[in-house]
Each structure stands twice: as structure tokens, then as C-alpha cells.
Amino acid sequence: MSEQAGPIAQTPAPPYTAVIFTSLRTEGDHGYAVMSARMTELASQQPGFLGVESAREGVGITVSYWRDDDAAAAWKQVAEHLIAQERGRAVWYDDYVVRVATVTRAYGPKGTS
């Protein structure tokens, strides 16, 4: 089953930062859905947050967009997010990788903003 957390994020004209979180989940929920929803809510309240996209079909991919690298780095250090990261390592993920990139071009049929 495919899962999409929401619409395609409406981002400003580049440049901006994308944090790409790719993961393989463990079996069972173990509180994951509640924490995932909370992290999306909390991230959206952070300075420099631009949007998020998420999909899962086997491999999960969540991309969060930030005004710049400093805003993305600050999000990584938010206390409640640090707790979620630890729980992810201990319970929710068999494997994961985080990639941080600068978006230099973006285009699509509906534009980028």
C-alpha cells in the first residue's frame, strides 16, 4: 500500500535546503504514527520551515524543505525531535539515511511556489 502524507510542498524559488530521510521500518507501529504526526506539526512551527512531503511503499522517503542549511540544522537539535530520533534508532527503523542538499532548480506543471 502506498501512503502520501499530504500534497506536494509549495516551495519558494531556489535556493533552499532539502533534508531527505530515507528509511526501512521495523514491523509494527510502536507509537510511530503518533510521533510522525507530532514531528510534522512541530517542524511546521520552526523558523525557516517551508514544507514536507512523505511517501512509503516499502522504502519510506520524507523530504523536508528549509529556508537554508542553518534552519535545517536547528530543526535537528529541537529537544522533542532529538527524542524522536533516539526512538527511531532504537525501535522504528531497521535502516535509514539522511541526506541534506541545496536545491538549485525546481520546476513542474504548477510551478515551484
N, C-alpha and C. Protein backbone atom coordinates (compact mmCIF):
# COMPACT_ATOMS: atom_id res chain seq x y z
N MET A 1 0.84 -1.18 0.00
CA MET A 1 0.00 0.00 0.00
C MET A 1 0.88 1.24 0.00
N SER A 2 0.54 2.20 -0.83
CA SER A 2 1.27 3.46 -0.91
C SER A 2 0.65 4.47 0.05
N GLU A 3 1.48 5.28 0.67
CA GLU A 3 1.00 6.27 1.63
C GLU A 3 1.62 7.62 1.31
N GLN A 4 0.80 8.65 1.21
CA GLN A 4 1.26 10.01 0.96
C GLN A 4 0.74 10.87 2.09
N ALA A 5 1.64 11.57 2.79
CA ALA A 5 1.24 12.34 3.97
C ALA A 5 0.49 13.62 3.62
N GLY A 6 0.63 14.13 2.45
CA GLY A 6 -0.05 15.37 2.10
C GLY A 6 0.26 15.76 0.68
N PRO A 7 -0.14 16.95 0.31
CA PRO A 7 0.10 17.41 -1.06
C PRO A 7 1.58 17.70 -1.30
N ILE A 8 1.91 17.96 -2.53
CA ILE A 8 3.27 18.37 -2.87
C ILE A 8 3.54 19.72 -2.23
N ALA A 9 4.67 19.84 -1.56
CA ALA A 9 5.03 21.08 -0.86
C ALA A 9 5.17 22.22 -1.87
N GLN A 10 4.66 23.35 -1.49
CA GLN A 10 4.79 24.56 -2.30
C GLN A 10 5.99 25.34 -1.77
N THR A 11 7.09 25.27 -2.48
CA THR A 11 8.33 25.89 -2.04
C THR A 11 8.60 27.17 -2.83
N PRO A 12 9.42 28.05 -2.27
CA PRO A 12 9.77 29.29 -2.99
C PRO A 12 10.78 28.99 -4.10
N ALA A 13 11.13 30.00 -4.83
CA ALA A 13 12.18 29.86 -5.83
C ALA A 13 13.48 29.48 -5.12
N PRO A 14 14.27 28.59 -5.72
CA PRO A 14 15.56 28.21 -5.12
C PRO A 14 16.50 29.41 -5.04
N PRO A 15 17.50 29.31 -4.18
CA PRO A 15 17.94 28.12 -3.46
C PRO A 15 17.24 27.97 -2.11
N TYR A 16 17.12 26.72 -1.68
CA TYR A 16 16.68 26.35 -0.35
C TYR A 16 17.23 24.97 -0.04
N THR A 17 17.05 24.51 1.18
CA THR A 17 17.64 23.25 1.62
C THR A 17 16.58 22.16 1.69
N ALA A 18 16.95 20.96 1.24
CA ALA A 18 16.10 19.78 1.35
C ALA A 18 16.79 18.76 2.24
N VAL A 19 16.07 18.26 3.23
CA VAL A 19 16.56 17.17 4.07
C VAL A 19 15.78 15.93 3.67
N ILE A 20 16.49 14.95 3.13
CA ILE A 20 15.88 13.74 2.58
C ILE A 20 16.14 12.59 3.55
N PHE A 21 15.09 12.06 4.13
CA PHE A 21 15.17 10.98 5.10
C PHE A 21 14.59 9.73 4.45
N THR A 22 15.44 8.76 4.19
CA THR A 22 15.05 7.50 3.57
C THR A 22 15.15 6.41 4.62
N SER A 23 14.12 5.57 4.74
CA SER A 23 14.12 4.61 5.84
C SER A 23 13.48 3.29 5.48
N LEU A 24 13.88 2.27 6.24
CA LEU A 24 13.24 0.96 6.25
C LEU A 24 12.71 0.75 7.66
N ARG A 25 11.41 0.57 7.80
CA ARG A 25 10.76 0.44 9.11
C ARG A 25 10.88 -0.97 9.65
N THR A 26 10.78 -1.06 10.97
CA THR A 26 10.61 -2.33 11.65
C THR A 26 9.13 -2.72 11.56
N GLU A 27 8.80 -3.93 11.96
CA GLU A 27 7.40 -4.37 11.99
C GLU A 27 6.66 -3.69 13.13
N GLY A 28 5.40 -3.39 12.91
CA GLY A 28 4.56 -2.82 13.96
C GLY A 28 4.68 -1.32 14.05
N ASP A 29 3.71 -0.72 14.72
CA ASP A 29 3.66 0.74 14.83
C ASP A 29 4.48 1.26 16.02
N HIS A 30 4.27 0.70 17.21
CA HIS A 30 5.01 1.08 18.41
C HIS A 30 5.00 2.59 18.68
N GLY A 31 3.88 3.25 18.37
CA GLY A 31 3.77 4.69 18.59
C GLY A 31 4.30 5.55 17.46
N TYR A 32 4.68 4.93 16.35
CA TYR A 32 5.28 5.66 15.24
C TYR A 32 4.31 6.68 14.62
N ALA A 33 3.09 6.27 14.35
CA ALA A 33 2.14 7.17 13.66
C ALA A 33 1.90 8.44 14.46
N VAL A 34 1.74 8.31 15.76
CA VAL A 34 1.50 9.48 16.61
C VAL A 34 2.73 10.39 16.59
N MET A 35 3.92 9.81 16.73
CA MET A 35 5.14 10.62 16.75
C MET A 35 5.38 11.26 15.39
N SER A 36 5.11 10.54 14.32
CA SER A 36 5.30 11.10 12.98
C SER A 36 4.41 12.34 12.78
N ALA A 37 3.16 12.23 13.18
CA ALA A 37 2.24 13.37 13.07
C ALA A 37 2.72 14.53 13.93
N ARG A 38 3.20 14.23 15.12
CA ARG A 38 3.70 15.28 16.01
C ARG A 38 4.93 15.97 15.41
N MET A 39 5.83 15.20 14.81
CA MET A 39 7.04 15.79 14.23
C MET A 39 6.69 16.69 13.05
N THR A 40 5.71 16.30 12.26
CA THR A 40 5.28 17.16 11.15
C THR A 40 4.70 18.46 11.69
N GLU A 41 3.87 18.36 12.72
CA GLU A 41 3.30 19.56 13.35
C GLU A 41 4.40 20.45 13.93
N LEU A 42 5.33 19.84 14.66
CA LEU A 42 6.40 20.60 15.31
C LEU A 42 7.33 21.23 14.28
N ALA A 43 7.70 20.49 13.25
CA ALA A 43 8.58 21.04 12.21
C ALA A 43 7.94 22.26 11.56
N SER A 44 6.63 22.18 11.33
CA SER A 44 5.95 23.30 10.65
C SER A 44 5.96 24.58 11.48
N GLN A 45 6.26 24.47 12.77
CA GLN A 45 6.31 25.64 13.65
C GLN A 45 7.72 26.23 13.76
N GLN A 46 8.70 25.59 13.15
CA GLN A 46 10.08 26.03 13.28
C GLN A 46 10.41 27.15 12.30
N PRO A 47 11.27 28.08 12.71
CA PRO A 47 11.70 29.14 11.80
C PRO A 47 12.39 28.53 10.57
N GLY A 48 12.02 29.01 9.41
CA GLY A 48 12.66 28.56 8.18
C GLY A 48 12.03 27.35 7.54
N PHE A 49 11.00 26.76 8.14
CA PHE A 49 10.32 25.59 7.57
C PHE A 49 9.54 26.01 6.33
N LEU A 50 9.67 25.24 5.25
CA LEU A 50 8.97 25.56 4.01
C LEU A 50 7.90 24.53 3.63
N GLY A 51 8.09 23.28 4.05
CA GLY A 51 7.12 22.24 3.70
C GLY A 51 7.72 20.86 3.88
N VAL A 52 6.85 19.86 3.68
CA VAL A 52 7.29 18.46 3.82
C VAL A 52 6.48 17.58 2.88
N GLU A 53 7.11 16.53 2.41
CA GLU A 53 6.46 15.51 1.59
C GLU A 53 6.90 14.16 2.12
N SER A 54 5.98 13.20 2.10
CA SER A 54 6.32 11.89 2.62
C SER A 54 5.56 10.81 1.87
N ALA A 55 6.23 9.71 1.59
CA ALA A 55 5.60 8.57 0.93
C ALA A 55 6.25 7.29 1.44
N ARG A 56 5.47 6.22 1.46
CA ARG A 56 6.01 4.94 1.92
C ARG A 56 5.38 3.81 1.11
N GLU A 57 6.20 3.03 0.52
CA GLU A 57 5.81 1.76 -0.08
C GLU A 57 7.06 0.90 -0.02
N GLY A 58 7.24 0.22 1.08
CA GLY A 58 8.49 -0.49 1.33
C GLY A 58 9.50 0.48 1.91
N VAL A 59 10.17 1.21 1.04
CA VAL A 59 11.12 2.24 1.48
C VAL A 59 10.33 3.52 1.74
N GLY A 60 10.55 4.14 2.90
CA GLY A 60 9.91 5.41 3.21
C GLY A 60 10.82 6.56 2.84
N ILE A 61 10.26 7.59 2.28
CA ILE A 61 11.02 8.79 1.95
C ILE A 61 10.24 10.00 2.44
N THR A 62 10.90 10.77 3.28
CA THR A 62 10.33 12.04 3.74
C THR A 62 11.33 13.13 3.40
N VAL A 63 10.85 14.15 2.73
CA VAL A 63 11.69 15.29 2.38
C VAL A 63 11.11 16.52 3.06
N SER A 64 11.93 17.15 3.90
CA SER A 64 11.51 18.43 4.49
C SER A 64 12.33 19.53 3.84
N TYR A 65 11.68 20.66 3.64
CA TYR A 65 12.30 21.80 2.95
C TYR A 65 12.47 22.95 3.93
N TRP A 66 13.63 23.58 3.85
CA TRP A 66 14.01 24.64 4.79
C TRP A 66 14.59 25.82 4.04
N ARG A 67 14.42 26.99 4.62
CA ARG A 67 14.93 28.23 4.02
C ARG A 67 16.41 28.11 3.71
N ASP A 68 17.18 27.51 4.62
CA ASP A 68 18.63 27.37 4.43
C ASP A 68 19.15 26.26 5.32
N ASP A 69 20.44 25.99 5.21
CA ASP A 69 21.06 24.91 5.98
C ASP A 69 21.00 25.18 7.48
N ASP A 70 21.12 26.43 7.89
CA ASP A 70 21.05 26.76 9.31
C ASP A 70 19.68 26.39 9.90
N ALA A 71 18.61 26.67 9.17
CA ALA A 71 17.27 26.33 9.65
C ALA A 71 17.11 24.81 9.75
N ALA A 72 17.62 24.08 8.77
CA ALA A 72 17.54 22.62 8.81
C ALA A 72 18.36 22.06 9.98
N ALA A 73 19.54 22.61 10.21
CA ALA A 73 20.39 22.16 11.31
C ALA A 73 19.74 22.47 12.66
N ALA A 74 19.07 23.60 12.76
CA ALA A 74 18.40 23.95 14.01
C ALA A 74 17.27 22.96 14.31
N TRP A 75 16.54 22.54 13.28
CA TRP A 75 15.47 21.56 13.46
C TRP A 75 16.02 20.25 14.02
N LYS A 76 17.16 19.84 13.56
CA LYS A 76 17.77 18.59 14.04
C LYS A 76 18.02 18.64 15.54
N GLN A 77 18.19 19.82 16.12
CA GLN A 77 18.53 19.97 17.54
C GLN A 77 17.34 20.29 18.45
N VAL A 78 16.13 20.38 17.90
CA VAL A 78 14.95 20.65 18.73
C VAL A 78 14.76 19.48 19.70
N ALA A 79 14.58 19.77 20.98
CA ALA A 79 14.57 18.74 22.02
C ALA A 79 13.60 17.59 21.73
N GLU A 80 12.38 17.90 21.37
CA GLU A 80 11.39 16.84 21.11
C GLU A 80 11.78 16.02 19.88
N HIS A 81 12.41 16.67 18.90
CA HIS A 81 12.88 15.96 17.71
C HIS A 81 14.04 15.03 18.08
N LEU A 82 14.90 15.45 18.99
CA LEU A 82 16.00 14.58 19.45
C LEU A 82 15.46 13.30 20.09
N ILE A 83 14.38 13.42 20.84
CA ILE A 83 13.74 12.24 21.45
C ILE A 83 13.21 11.31 20.36
N ALA A 84 12.55 11.88 19.35
CA ALA A 84 12.03 11.07 18.24
C ALA A 84 13.17 10.38 17.48
N GLN A 85 14.28 11.09 17.29
CA GLN A 85 15.43 10.48 16.61
C GLN A 85 15.95 9.26 17.37
N GLU A 86 16.06 9.40 18.68
CA GLU A 86 16.55 8.28 19.50
C GLU A 86 15.59 7.10 19.44
N ARG A 87 14.30 7.38 19.54
CA ARG A 87 13.30 6.30 19.46
C ARG A 87 13.35 5.64 18.09
N GLY A 88 13.57 6.42 17.06
CA GLY A 88 13.69 5.85 15.72
C GLY A 88 14.84 4.87 15.62
N ARG A 89 15.99 5.27 16.15
CA ARG A 89 17.16 4.37 16.12
C ARG A 89 16.91 3.10 16.93
N ALA A 90 16.23 3.24 18.07
CA ALA A 90 16.03 2.12 18.98
C ALA A 90 14.88 1.19 18.57
N VAL A 91 13.81 1.75 17.96
CA VAL A 91 12.58 0.97 17.79
C VAL A 91 12.04 0.94 16.36
N TRP A 92 12.00 2.07 15.67
CA TRP A 92 11.21 2.17 14.44
C TRP A 92 11.93 1.83 13.14
N TYR A 93 13.24 1.94 13.10
CA TYR A 93 13.93 1.79 11.83
C TYR A 93 14.93 0.64 11.83
N ASP A 94 14.85 -0.20 10.79
CA ASP A 94 15.88 -1.20 10.55
C ASP A 94 17.11 -0.54 9.93
N ASP A 95 16.87 0.47 9.12
CA ASP A 95 17.96 1.20 8.48
C ASP A 95 17.42 2.56 8.04
N TYR A 96 18.30 3.53 7.94
CA TYR A 96 17.91 4.85 7.45
C TYR A 96 19.15 5.61 7.02
N VAL A 97 18.93 6.62 6.21
CA VAL A 97 19.99 7.56 5.85
C VAL A 97 19.36 8.94 5.70
N VAL A 98 20.10 9.95 6.13
CA VAL A 98 19.67 11.34 5.99
C VAL A 98 20.63 12.01 5.03
N ARG A 99 20.08 12.68 4.04
CA ARG A 99 20.88 13.43 3.08
C ARG A 99 20.40 14.88 3.11
N VAL A 100 21.32 15.81 3.11
CA VAL A 100 20.98 17.23 3.12
C VAL A 100 21.53 17.82 1.83
N ALA A 101 20.67 18.52 1.10
CA ALA A 101 21.06 19.05 -0.21
C ALA A 101 20.55 20.47 -0.38
N THR A 102 21.22 21.21 -1.23
CA THR A 102 20.75 22.53 -1.63
C THR A 102 20.03 22.38 -2.96
N VAL A 103 18.79 22.83 -2.99
CA VAL A 103 18.01 22.81 -4.23
C VAL A 103 18.41 24.03 -5.04
N THR A 104 18.89 23.79 -6.25
CA THR A 104 19.31 24.89 -7.12
C THR A 104 18.33 25.13 -8.27
N ARG A 105 17.50 24.12 -8.57
CA ARG A 105 16.47 24.25 -9.61
C ARG A 105 15.25 23.48 -9.17
N ALA A 106 14.08 23.98 -9.50
CA ALA A 106 12.83 23.28 -9.23
C ALA A 106 11.82 23.70 -10.29
N TYR A 107 11.09 22.72 -10.82
CA TYR A 107 10.10 23.05 -11.84
C TYR A 107 9.04 21.97 -11.90
N GLY A 108 7.89 22.32 -12.40
CA GLY A 108 6.77 21.41 -12.54
C GLY A 108 5.62 22.11 -13.21
N PRO A 109 4.57 21.38 -13.52
CA PRO A 109 3.44 21.98 -14.26
C PRO A 109 2.73 23.10 -13.50
N LYS A 110 2.82 23.08 -12.17
CA LYS A 110 2.16 24.12 -11.37
C LYS A 110 3.14 25.11 -10.81
N GLY A 111 4.39 25.06 -11.25
CA GLY A 111 5.41 25.99 -10.75
C GLY A 111 6.04 25.49 -9.48
N THR A 112 6.78 26.37 -8.82
CA THR A 112 7.51 25.97 -7.62
C THR A 112 7.08 26.75 -6.39
N SER A 113 6.19 27.71 -6.51
CA SER A 113 5.79 28.45 -5.32
C SER A 113 4.30 28.59 -5.23
